[in-house]
Amino acid sequence: MRKKLTGISLISGLVLLASVLVISGCSNNSPLEPNLPQIAEMDRLVVSGMSGGESSGSTVIEDSKLIDKDSGGEIDIERESYLHSFSVEAGAINENTEIIVKSSKETVLGKEMIVFDFSPDGLQFDPAAVLDFEIAELDSKAKTGKLYYFNPDRNKWEYQGSSIVSGGVASFEIDHFSKYAIGD
């Protein structure tokens, strides 16, 4: 009986040791590598339900990327089979910034639109960043796209301007972060 308990204790000890090694091996802080800063190229999150305003509970897609102040960068915003992009020119921001773009299909001003909620809130661009939008997500026959901005001081959507569709894409200049909606 004593040999049997010793064998069980030995097996239990080995299982515990193996578990600790497996868990420690999954850490980002490996003792064999220097602790280097991690820069995420791009992250993506898809969440159902949503966002407030006049939303009907659509799927929210979140894309993020660290944008370097000296070289700028572009964030691809995939929505189903459509690819939109947000481009920041070199020198347009004052410091390296993790930019987050949440997008969803919502009813705004009585029409179905794609809403882009950018953060960090209030970030400014000089020169303006560019949001390229595949208009076919709303209407493949649209000749123009319209940009609206949610003005929190007035608690309402305000028209910002239009873009003629070229090659299926409407392009909009964004000079600061806030909540925007694009319609046809």
N, C-alpha and C. Protein backbone atom coordinates (compact mmCIF):
# COMPACT_ATOMS: atom_id res chain seq x y z
N MET A 1 0.83 -1.18 0.00
CA MET A 1 0.00 0.00 0.00
C MET A 1 0.88 1.25 0.00
N ARG A 2 1.98 1.22 0.80
CA ARG A 2 2.87 2.36 0.88
C ARG A 2 3.52 2.63 -0.49
N LYS A 3 3.89 1.55 -1.23
CA LYS A 3 4.47 1.72 -2.57
C LYS A 3 3.45 2.35 -3.51
N LYS A 4 2.19 1.96 -3.38
CA LYS A 4 1.14 2.48 -4.24
C LYS A 4 0.96 3.98 -3.99
N LEU A 5 0.96 4.44 -2.71
CA LEU A 5 0.84 5.85 -2.38
C LEU A 5 2.04 6.64 -2.88
N THR A 6 3.23 6.08 -2.77
CA THR A 6 4.43 6.73 -3.25
C THR A 6 4.35 6.91 -4.76
N GLY A 7 3.87 5.90 -5.47
CA GLY A 7 3.70 5.98 -6.93
C GLY A 7 2.69 7.04 -7.32
N ILE A 8 1.57 7.11 -6.59
CA ILE A 8 0.54 8.12 -6.87
C ILE A 8 1.09 9.52 -6.58
N SER A 9 1.83 9.66 -5.49
CA SER A 9 2.42 10.96 -5.14
C SER A 9 3.41 11.39 -6.21
N LEU A 10 4.22 10.46 -6.70
CA LEU A 10 5.20 10.75 -7.73
C LEU A 10 4.50 11.19 -9.02
N ILE A 11 3.45 10.49 -9.42
CA ILE A 11 2.70 10.84 -10.63
C ILE A 11 2.03 12.20 -10.46
N SER A 12 1.41 12.43 -9.30
CA SER A 12 0.77 13.72 -9.04
C SER A 12 1.79 14.85 -9.11
N GLY A 13 2.96 14.63 -8.54
CA GLY A 13 4.02 15.63 -8.57
C GLY A 13 4.47 15.92 -9.99
N LEU A 14 4.62 14.90 -10.82
CA LEU A 14 5.02 15.10 -12.21
C LEU A 14 3.95 15.84 -13.01
N VAL A 15 2.68 15.51 -12.78
CA VAL A 15 1.58 16.21 -13.46
C VAL A 15 1.58 17.68 -13.06
N LEU A 16 1.75 17.96 -11.77
CA LEU A 16 1.80 19.34 -11.29
C LEU A 16 2.97 20.08 -11.91
N LEU A 17 4.15 19.47 -11.94
CA LEU A 17 5.33 20.09 -12.53
C LEU A 17 5.11 20.36 -14.02
N ALA A 18 4.55 19.41 -14.74
CA ALA A 18 4.28 19.59 -16.17
C ALA A 18 3.29 20.74 -16.39
N SER A 19 2.28 20.82 -15.55
CA SER A 19 1.29 21.90 -15.66
C SER A 19 1.94 23.26 -15.46
N VAL A 20 2.79 23.38 -14.47
CA VAL A 20 3.49 24.64 -14.21
C VAL A 20 4.38 25.01 -15.39
N LEU A 21 5.08 24.04 -15.96
CA LEU A 21 5.95 24.31 -17.11
C LEU A 21 5.15 24.73 -18.33
N VAL A 22 4.02 24.10 -18.57
CA VAL A 22 3.17 24.46 -19.72
C VAL A 22 2.64 25.87 -19.55
N ILE A 23 2.14 26.18 -18.36
CA ILE A 23 1.58 27.51 -18.11
C ILE A 23 2.67 28.57 -18.23
N SER A 24 3.86 28.34 -17.65
CA SER A 24 4.93 29.32 -17.75
C SER A 24 5.44 29.46 -19.17
N GLY A 25 5.39 28.41 -19.95
CA GLY A 25 5.85 28.47 -21.34
C GLY A 25 4.94 29.30 -22.21
N CYS A 26 3.72 29.58 -21.78
CA CYS A 26 2.78 30.36 -22.56
C CYS A 26 2.89 31.85 -22.27
N SER A 27 3.75 32.24 -21.38
CA SER A 27 3.90 33.64 -21.01
C SER A 27 4.60 34.43 -22.11
N ASN A 28 4.29 35.72 -22.21
CA ASN A 28 4.99 36.60 -23.15
C ASN A 28 6.36 36.99 -22.62
N ASN A 29 6.61 36.79 -21.33
CA ASN A 29 7.87 37.20 -20.72
C ASN A 29 8.78 35.99 -20.55
N SER A 30 9.33 35.51 -21.62
CA SER A 30 10.21 34.35 -21.58
C SER A 30 11.55 34.75 -20.97
N PRO A 31 12.10 33.93 -20.04
CA PRO A 31 13.39 34.27 -19.46
C PRO A 31 14.53 34.13 -20.46
N LEU A 32 14.28 33.52 -21.60
CA LEU A 32 15.33 33.32 -22.59
C LEU A 32 15.44 34.49 -23.55
N GLU A 33 14.42 35.36 -23.61
CA GLU A 33 14.43 36.49 -24.52
C GLU A 33 14.39 37.78 -23.73
N PRO A 34 15.03 38.83 -24.22
CA PRO A 34 14.91 40.11 -23.54
C PRO A 34 13.47 40.60 -23.62
N ASN A 35 13.08 41.38 -22.66
CA ASN A 35 11.71 41.89 -22.62
C ASN A 35 11.61 43.08 -23.57
N LEU A 36 11.34 42.81 -24.85
CA LEU A 36 11.26 43.84 -25.87
C LEU A 36 9.86 44.43 -25.91
N PRO A 37 9.72 45.72 -26.25
CA PRO A 37 8.38 46.29 -26.36
C PRO A 37 7.63 45.62 -27.51
N GLN A 38 6.37 45.35 -27.29
CA GLN A 38 5.54 44.70 -28.30
C GLN A 38 4.70 45.76 -29.00
N ILE A 39 4.83 45.84 -30.32
CA ILE A 39 4.02 46.77 -31.10
C ILE A 39 3.10 45.94 -31.96
N ALA A 40 1.81 46.11 -31.72
CA ALA A 40 0.83 45.34 -32.48
C ALA A 40 0.68 45.98 -33.85
N GLU A 41 0.85 45.22 -34.88
CA GLU A 41 0.65 45.72 -36.24
C GLU A 41 -0.81 46.07 -36.45
N MET A 42 -1.69 45.14 -36.12
CA MET A 42 -3.10 45.42 -36.27
C MET A 42 -3.88 44.39 -35.47
N ASP A 43 -4.90 44.87 -34.81
CA ASP A 43 -5.77 44.00 -34.05
C ASP A 43 -7.19 44.15 -34.59
N ARG A 44 -7.99 43.12 -34.39
CA ARG A 44 -9.37 43.12 -34.90
C ARG A 44 -10.26 42.47 -33.88
N LEU A 45 -11.44 43.07 -33.67
CA LEU A 45 -12.41 42.56 -32.73
C LEU A 45 -13.79 42.70 -33.35
N VAL A 46 -14.59 41.66 -33.29
CA VAL A 46 -15.95 41.70 -33.80
C VAL A 46 -16.89 41.44 -32.64
N VAL A 47 -17.84 42.36 -32.43
CA VAL A 47 -18.77 42.27 -31.30
C VAL A 47 -20.18 42.43 -31.84
N SER A 48 -21.09 41.56 -31.39
CA SER A 48 -22.49 41.72 -31.79
C SER A 48 -23.20 42.61 -30.79
N GLY A 49 -24.22 43.27 -31.25
CA GLY A 49 -24.98 44.17 -30.42
C GLY A 49 -24.38 45.54 -30.56
N MET A 50 -24.97 46.61 -29.93
CA MET A 50 -24.18 47.82 -30.05
C MET A 50 -24.69 49.08 -29.57
N SER A 51 -24.24 49.98 -30.15
CA SER A 51 -23.48 51.14 -29.84
C SER A 51 -24.28 52.31 -29.38
N GLY A 52 -25.49 52.35 -29.27
CA GLY A 52 -26.18 53.56 -28.84
C GLY A 52 -26.63 54.36 -30.03
N GLY A 53 -27.07 55.59 -29.79
CA GLY A 53 -27.57 56.41 -30.88
C GLY A 53 -28.84 55.78 -31.41
N GLU A 54 -28.95 55.74 -32.72
CA GLU A 54 -30.15 55.18 -33.35
C GLU A 54 -29.87 53.78 -33.86
N SER A 55 -29.02 53.05 -33.16
CA SER A 55 -28.60 51.73 -33.59
C SER A 55 -29.72 50.71 -33.47
N SER A 56 -29.70 49.77 -34.36
CA SER A 56 -30.67 48.68 -34.29
C SER A 56 -30.00 47.39 -33.83
N GLY A 57 -28.85 47.50 -33.16
CA GLY A 57 -28.18 46.31 -32.64
C GLY A 57 -27.33 45.59 -33.66
N SER A 58 -26.63 46.31 -34.53
CA SER A 58 -25.82 45.68 -35.56
C SER A 58 -24.50 45.18 -34.98
N THR A 59 -23.75 44.48 -35.80
CA THR A 59 -22.44 43.99 -35.40
C THR A 59 -21.44 45.14 -35.44
N VAL A 60 -20.64 45.25 -34.39
CA VAL A 60 -19.59 46.26 -34.33
C VAL A 60 -18.27 45.58 -34.66
N ILE A 61 -17.53 46.18 -35.56
CA ILE A 61 -16.22 45.67 -35.91
C ILE A 61 -15.20 46.69 -35.44
N GLU A 62 -14.18 46.21 -34.74
CA GLU A 62 -13.15 47.11 -34.22
C GLU A 62 -11.81 46.74 -34.82
N ASP A 63 -11.16 47.73 -35.41
CA ASP A 63 -9.82 47.56 -35.96
C ASP A 63 -8.92 48.57 -35.26
N SER A 64 -7.67 48.18 -35.03
CA SER A 64 -6.75 49.12 -34.40
C SER A 64 -5.34 48.91 -34.93
N LYS A 65 -4.56 49.97 -34.84
CA LYS A 65 -3.17 49.89 -35.30
C LYS A 65 -2.38 51.03 -34.67
N LEU A 66 -1.13 50.75 -34.34
CA LEU A 66 -0.24 51.79 -33.86
C LEU A 66 0.28 52.55 -35.08
N ILE A 67 0.01 53.85 -35.10
CA ILE A 67 0.46 54.69 -36.21
C ILE A 67 1.68 55.49 -35.75
N ASP A 68 2.75 55.38 -36.50
CA ASP A 68 4.01 56.07 -36.20
C ASP A 68 3.90 57.52 -36.69
N LYS A 69 4.24 58.47 -35.83
CA LYS A 69 4.14 59.89 -36.18
C LYS A 69 5.04 60.26 -37.35
N ASP A 70 6.18 59.59 -37.49
CA ASP A 70 7.14 59.95 -38.53
C ASP A 70 6.86 59.31 -39.89
N SER A 71 6.23 58.13 -39.89
CA SER A 71 6.00 57.45 -41.17
C SER A 71 4.52 57.36 -41.54
N GLY A 72 3.61 57.69 -40.61
CA GLY A 72 2.18 57.57 -40.89
C GLY A 72 1.78 56.11 -41.00
N GLY A 73 0.65 55.85 -41.58
CA GLY A 73 0.21 54.47 -41.73
C GLY A 73 -1.23 54.39 -42.19
N GLU A 74 -1.67 53.16 -42.41
CA GLU A 74 -3.02 52.90 -42.91
C GLU A 74 -3.65 51.76 -42.12
N ILE A 75 -4.92 51.92 -41.82
CA ILE A 75 -5.69 50.88 -41.14
C ILE A 75 -6.72 50.35 -42.12
N ASP A 76 -6.69 49.04 -42.38
CA ASP A 76 -7.72 48.40 -43.20
C ASP A 76 -8.92 48.12 -42.31
N ILE A 77 -10.09 48.48 -42.80
CA ILE A 77 -11.34 48.27 -42.06
C ILE A 77 -12.19 47.33 -42.89
N GLU A 78 -12.17 46.05 -42.53
CA GLU A 78 -12.94 45.04 -43.27
C GLU A 78 -14.33 44.90 -42.68
N ARG A 79 -15.33 45.03 -43.52
CA ARG A 79 -16.71 44.83 -43.11
C ARG A 79 -17.33 43.88 -44.13
N GLU A 80 -17.60 42.66 -43.71
CA GLU A 80 -18.11 41.61 -44.59
C GLU A 80 -17.17 41.49 -45.79
N SER A 81 -17.64 41.73 -47.01
CA SER A 81 -16.75 41.61 -48.16
C SER A 81 -16.28 42.98 -48.66
N TYR A 82 -16.40 44.00 -47.83
CA TYR A 82 -16.00 45.35 -48.22
C TYR A 82 -14.76 45.76 -47.45
N LEU A 83 -13.88 46.51 -48.12
CA LEU A 83 -12.64 46.95 -47.49
C LEU A 83 -12.57 48.47 -47.55
N HIS A 84 -12.65 49.10 -46.40
CA HIS A 84 -12.49 50.54 -46.27
C HIS A 84 -11.09 50.76 -45.69
N SER A 85 -10.59 51.98 -45.78
CA SER A 85 -9.27 52.23 -45.19
C SER A 85 -9.20 53.63 -44.61
N PHE A 86 -8.34 53.77 -43.62
CA PHE A 86 -8.10 55.06 -42.97
C PHE A 86 -6.61 55.31 -43.05
N SER A 87 -6.20 56.41 -43.70
CA SER A 87 -4.79 56.70 -43.95
C SER A 87 -4.35 57.98 -43.25
N VAL A 88 -3.19 57.89 -42.59
CA VAL A 88 -2.61 59.03 -41.89
C VAL A 88 -1.25 59.31 -42.53
N GLU A 89 -1.05 60.56 -42.97
CA GLU A 89 0.22 60.93 -43.59
C GLU A 89 1.31 61.07 -42.53
N ALA A 90 2.55 60.92 -42.96
CA ALA A 90 3.70 61.15 -42.08
C ALA A 90 3.63 62.58 -41.55
N GLY A 91 3.86 62.74 -40.24
CA GLY A 91 3.86 64.07 -39.63
C GLY A 91 2.49 64.65 -39.31
N ALA A 92 1.42 63.91 -39.60
CA ALA A 92 0.07 64.44 -39.37
C ALA A 92 -0.35 64.39 -37.90
N ILE A 93 0.35 63.56 -37.09
CA ILE A 93 0.09 63.49 -35.65
C ILE A 93 1.38 63.79 -34.90
N ASN A 94 1.24 64.22 -33.64
CA ASN A 94 2.40 64.67 -32.87
C ASN A 94 3.16 63.56 -32.16
N GLU A 95 2.53 62.41 -31.96
CA GLU A 95 3.20 61.30 -31.28
C GLU A 95 2.65 59.98 -31.80
N ASN A 96 3.42 58.91 -31.63
CA ASN A 96 2.96 57.58 -32.03
C ASN A 96 1.66 57.31 -31.27
N THR A 97 0.65 56.83 -31.99
CA THR A 97 -0.69 56.71 -31.39
C THR A 97 -1.37 55.42 -31.83
N GLU A 98 -1.93 54.70 -30.86
CA GLU A 98 -2.78 53.53 -31.15
C GLU A 98 -4.14 54.08 -31.58
N ILE A 99 -4.49 53.85 -32.83
CA ILE A 99 -5.76 54.34 -33.36
C ILE A 99 -6.75 53.18 -33.40
N ILE A 100 -7.94 53.43 -32.90
CA ILE A 100 -9.00 52.42 -32.86
C ILE A 100 -10.16 52.92 -33.71
N VAL A 101 -10.65 52.06 -34.59
CA VAL A 101 -11.80 52.39 -35.43
C VAL A 101 -12.88 51.34 -35.17
N LYS A 102 -14.02 51.77 -34.66
CA LYS A 102 -15.17 50.88 -34.51
C LYS A 102 -16.15 51.24 -35.62
N SER A 103 -16.65 50.23 -36.30
CA SER A 103 -17.62 50.49 -37.37
C SER A 103 -18.83 49.59 -37.20
N SER A 104 -19.99 50.13 -37.58
CA SER A 104 -21.24 49.38 -37.48
C SER A 104 -22.24 49.97 -38.47
N LYS A 105 -23.22 49.17 -38.82
CA LYS A 105 -24.31 49.63 -39.68
C LYS A 105 -25.43 50.07 -38.76
N GLU A 106 -25.85 51.33 -38.89
CA GLU A 106 -26.87 51.90 -38.00
C GLU A 106 -27.84 52.77 -38.79
N THR A 107 -28.96 53.04 -38.18
CA THR A 107 -29.90 53.99 -38.76
C THR A 107 -29.57 55.37 -38.22
N VAL A 108 -29.23 56.28 -39.14
CA VAL A 108 -28.87 57.65 -38.79
C VAL A 108 -29.72 58.56 -39.66
N LEU A 109 -30.39 59.50 -39.05
CA LEU A 109 -31.25 60.44 -39.77
C LEU A 109 -32.25 59.71 -40.67
N GLY A 110 -32.74 58.58 -40.19
CA GLY A 110 -33.76 57.81 -40.90
C GLY A 110 -33.25 56.95 -42.04
N LYS A 111 -31.92 56.88 -42.24
CA LYS A 111 -31.34 56.07 -43.32
C LYS A 111 -30.31 55.12 -42.76
N GLU A 112 -30.13 53.98 -43.42
CA GLU A 112 -29.08 53.04 -43.02
C GLU A 112 -27.74 53.59 -43.48
N MET A 113 -26.82 53.74 -42.52
CA MET A 113 -25.49 54.27 -42.81
C MET A 113 -24.45 53.41 -42.09
N ILE A 114 -23.20 53.60 -42.48
CA ILE A 114 -22.09 52.98 -41.77
C ILE A 114 -21.52 54.05 -40.84
N VAL A 115 -21.45 53.71 -39.55
CA VAL A 115 -20.95 54.65 -38.54
C VAL A 115 -19.54 54.24 -38.16
N PHE A 116 -18.64 55.22 -38.13
CA PHE A 116 -17.26 55.03 -37.72
C PHE A 116 -17.03 55.84 -36.44
N ASP A 117 -16.64 55.14 -35.40
CA ASP A 117 -16.36 55.79 -34.12
C ASP A 117 -14.86 55.66 -33.89
N PHE A 118 -14.14 56.78 -34.01
CA PHE A 118 -12.68 56.79 -33.93
C PHE A 118 -12.20 57.17 -32.54
N SER A 119 -11.08 56.60 -32.14
CA SER A 119 -10.44 57.03 -30.91
C SER A 119 -8.94 56.87 -31.03
N PRO A 120 -8.18 57.64 -30.27
CA PRO A 120 -8.60 58.41 -29.12
C PRO A 120 -9.40 59.65 -29.54
N ASP A 121 -10.45 59.90 -28.76
CA ASP A 121 -11.38 61.00 -29.04
C ASP A 121 -10.63 62.33 -29.09
N GLY A 122 -10.96 63.12 -30.11
CA GLY A 122 -10.39 64.46 -30.22
C GLY A 122 -9.04 64.54 -30.91
N LEU A 123 -8.41 63.39 -31.24
CA LEU A 123 -7.11 63.42 -31.91
C LEU A 123 -7.23 64.24 -33.19
N GLN A 124 -6.26 65.14 -33.42
CA GLN A 124 -6.31 66.01 -34.60
C GLN A 124 -5.21 65.66 -35.59
N PHE A 125 -5.50 65.91 -36.87
CA PHE A 125 -4.57 65.58 -37.95
C PHE A 125 -4.27 66.83 -38.76
N ASP A 126 -2.98 67.04 -39.07
CA ASP A 126 -2.58 68.14 -39.94
C ASP A 126 -1.38 67.68 -40.74
N PRO A 127 -1.54 67.34 -42.00
CA PRO A 127 -2.75 67.44 -42.81
C PRO A 127 -3.79 66.38 -42.43
N ALA A 128 -5.00 66.60 -42.92
CA ALA A 128 -6.13 65.72 -42.61
C ALA A 128 -5.84 64.28 -43.04
N ALA A 129 -6.37 63.33 -42.27
CA ALA A 129 -6.32 61.91 -42.63
C ALA A 129 -7.41 61.66 -43.67
N VAL A 130 -7.38 60.49 -44.30
CA VAL A 130 -8.36 60.18 -45.35
C VAL A 130 -9.05 58.86 -45.04
N LEU A 131 -10.37 58.89 -45.08
CA LEU A 131 -11.20 57.69 -44.94
C LEU A 131 -11.72 57.33 -46.32
N ASP A 132 -11.27 56.20 -46.87
CA ASP A 132 -11.75 55.71 -48.16
C ASP A 132 -12.82 54.66 -47.88
N PHE A 133 -13.97 54.83 -48.52
CA PHE A 133 -15.15 54.01 -48.21
C PHE A 133 -15.69 53.37 -49.49
N GLU A 134 -15.79 52.03 -49.50
CA GLU A 134 -16.40 51.33 -50.63
C GLU A 134 -17.91 51.53 -50.55
N ILE A 135 -18.43 52.37 -51.41
CA ILE A 135 -19.84 52.78 -51.35
C ILE A 135 -20.80 51.60 -51.58
N ALA A 136 -20.32 50.54 -52.24
CA ALA A 136 -21.19 49.39 -52.53
C ALA A 136 -21.74 48.75 -51.26
N GLU A 137 -21.09 48.97 -50.11
CA GLU A 137 -21.64 48.43 -48.87
C GLU A 137 -23.02 49.01 -48.60
N LEU A 138 -23.27 50.22 -49.08
CA LEU A 138 -24.58 50.84 -48.91
C LEU A 138 -25.42 50.77 -50.18
N ASP A 139 -24.81 51.10 -51.33
CA ASP A 139 -25.53 51.13 -52.60
C ASP A 139 -24.53 51.10 -53.75
N SER A 140 -24.50 49.99 -54.49
CA SER A 140 -23.51 49.84 -55.57
C SER A 140 -23.72 50.82 -56.71
N LYS A 141 -24.88 51.46 -56.79
CA LYS A 141 -25.16 52.41 -57.88
C LYS A 141 -24.98 53.87 -57.45
N ALA A 142 -24.60 54.11 -56.21
CA ALA A 142 -24.47 55.48 -55.72
C ALA A 142 -23.35 56.22 -56.46
N LYS A 143 -23.60 57.46 -56.78
CA LYS A 143 -22.61 58.31 -57.47
C LYS A 143 -21.87 59.21 -56.48
N THR A 144 -22.45 59.40 -55.29
CA THR A 144 -21.80 60.20 -54.26
C THR A 144 -21.98 59.53 -52.90
N GLY A 145 -21.10 59.89 -51.98
CA GLY A 145 -21.23 59.49 -50.59
C GLY A 145 -21.32 60.74 -49.75
N LYS A 146 -22.04 60.68 -48.65
CA LYS A 146 -22.22 61.85 -47.78
C LYS A 146 -21.65 61.54 -46.41
N LEU A 147 -20.94 62.51 -45.86
CA LEU A 147 -20.32 62.36 -44.55
C LEU A 147 -21.07 63.23 -43.54
N TYR A 148 -21.39 62.60 -42.39
CA TYR A 148 -22.04 63.30 -41.28
C TYR A 148 -21.16 63.15 -40.04
N TYR A 149 -21.22 64.15 -39.18
CA TYR A 149 -20.45 64.17 -37.94
C TYR A 149 -21.44 64.29 -36.79
N PHE A 150 -21.21 63.51 -35.72
CA PHE A 150 -22.08 63.64 -34.55
C PHE A 150 -21.51 64.73 -33.66
N ASN A 151 -22.28 65.81 -33.51
CA ASN A 151 -21.88 66.94 -32.69
C ASN A 151 -22.42 66.72 -31.28
N PRO A 152 -21.56 66.36 -30.32
CA PRO A 152 -22.03 66.08 -28.97
C PRO A 152 -22.57 67.32 -28.26
N ASP A 153 -22.08 68.52 -28.63
CA ASP A 153 -22.57 69.75 -28.00
C ASP A 153 -24.03 70.01 -28.35
N ARG A 154 -24.41 69.66 -29.57
CA ARG A 154 -25.80 69.87 -30.02
C ARG A 154 -26.60 68.58 -29.98
N ASN A 155 -25.92 67.46 -29.67
CA ASN A 155 -26.54 66.14 -29.60
C ASN A 155 -27.29 65.78 -30.88
N LYS A 156 -26.61 66.05 -32.01
CA LYS A 156 -27.24 65.72 -33.29
C LYS A 156 -26.20 65.51 -34.38
N TRP A 157 -26.63 64.82 -35.44
CA TRP A 157 -25.79 64.58 -36.61
C TRP A 157 -25.82 65.81 -37.49
N GLU A 158 -24.63 66.21 -37.99
CA GLU A 158 -24.53 67.37 -38.88
C GLU A 158 -23.83 66.96 -40.17
N TYR A 159 -24.36 67.46 -41.28
CA TYR A 159 -23.79 67.18 -42.59
C TYR A 159 -22.42 67.84 -42.70
N GLN A 160 -21.41 67.09 -43.19
CA GLN A 160 -20.06 67.61 -43.34
C GLN A 160 -19.65 67.83 -44.79
N GLY A 161 -20.18 67.02 -45.70
CA GLY A 161 -19.81 67.18 -47.09
C GLY A 161 -20.03 65.90 -47.88
N SER A 162 -19.81 66.02 -49.19
CA SER A 162 -20.02 64.88 -50.09
C SER A 162 -18.72 64.54 -50.80
N SER A 163 -18.69 63.33 -51.34
CA SER A 163 -17.56 62.88 -52.14
C SER A 163 -18.11 62.19 -53.37
N ILE A 164 -17.58 62.54 -54.52
CA ILE A 164 -17.95 61.84 -55.75
C ILE A 164 -17.28 60.48 -55.72
N VAL A 165 -18.04 59.45 -56.06
CA VAL A 165 -17.52 58.09 -56.05
C VAL A 165 -16.65 57.89 -57.28
N SER A 166 -15.43 57.40 -57.06
CA SER A 166 -14.51 57.12 -58.15
C SER A 166 -13.97 55.71 -57.94
N GLY A 167 -14.17 54.83 -58.92
CA GLY A 167 -13.72 53.45 -58.80
C GLY A 167 -14.41 52.71 -57.66
N GLY A 168 -15.64 53.13 -57.36
CA GLY A 168 -16.42 52.49 -56.30
C GLY A 168 -16.09 52.99 -54.90
N VAL A 169 -15.20 54.02 -54.80
CA VAL A 169 -14.76 54.51 -53.50
C VAL A 169 -15.07 55.99 -53.33
N ALA A 170 -15.64 56.33 -52.18
CA ALA A 170 -15.84 57.72 -51.79
C ALA A 170 -14.75 58.04 -50.76
N SER A 171 -14.08 59.18 -50.92
CA SER A 171 -12.98 59.56 -50.02
C SER A 171 -13.36 60.80 -49.24
N PHE A 172 -13.06 60.76 -47.93
CA PHE A 172 -13.41 61.86 -47.04
C PHE A 172 -12.20 62.25 -46.21
N GLU A 173 -11.98 63.56 -46.07
CA GLU A 173 -10.91 64.05 -45.21
C GLU A 173 -11.44 64.14 -43.78
N ILE A 174 -10.64 63.64 -42.84
CA ILE A 174 -10.98 63.64 -41.43
C ILE A 174 -9.88 64.43 -40.71
N ASP A 175 -10.23 65.59 -40.13
CA ASP A 175 -9.21 66.39 -39.47
C ASP A 175 -9.15 66.19 -37.96
N HIS A 176 -10.16 65.52 -37.41
CA HIS A 176 -10.13 65.18 -35.98
C HIS A 176 -11.00 63.96 -35.74
N PHE A 177 -10.77 63.29 -34.61
CA PHE A 177 -11.53 62.09 -34.29
C PHE A 177 -12.81 62.44 -33.55
N SER A 178 -13.82 61.75 -33.99
CA SER A 178 -15.14 61.85 -33.40
C SER A 178 -15.93 60.67 -33.94
N LYS A 179 -17.23 60.82 -33.96
CA LYS A 179 -18.11 59.79 -34.53
C LYS A 179 -18.64 60.32 -35.86
N TYR A 180 -18.46 59.53 -36.92
CA TYR A 180 -18.88 59.92 -38.27
C TYR A 180 -19.81 58.86 -38.84
N ALA A 181 -20.67 59.28 -39.75
CA ALA A 181 -21.54 58.35 -40.47
C ALA A 181 -21.42 58.65 -41.96
N ILE A 182 -21.44 57.58 -42.76
CA ILE A 182 -21.41 57.73 -44.21
C ILE A 182 -22.67 57.11 -44.78
N GLY A 183 -23.33 57.90 -45.64
CA GLY A 183 -24.52 57.45 -46.33
C GLY A 183 -24.39 57.72 -47.81
N ASP A 184 -25.34 57.21 -48.59
CA ASP A 184 -25.31 57.47 -50.03
C ASP A 184 -26.30 58.56 -50.40
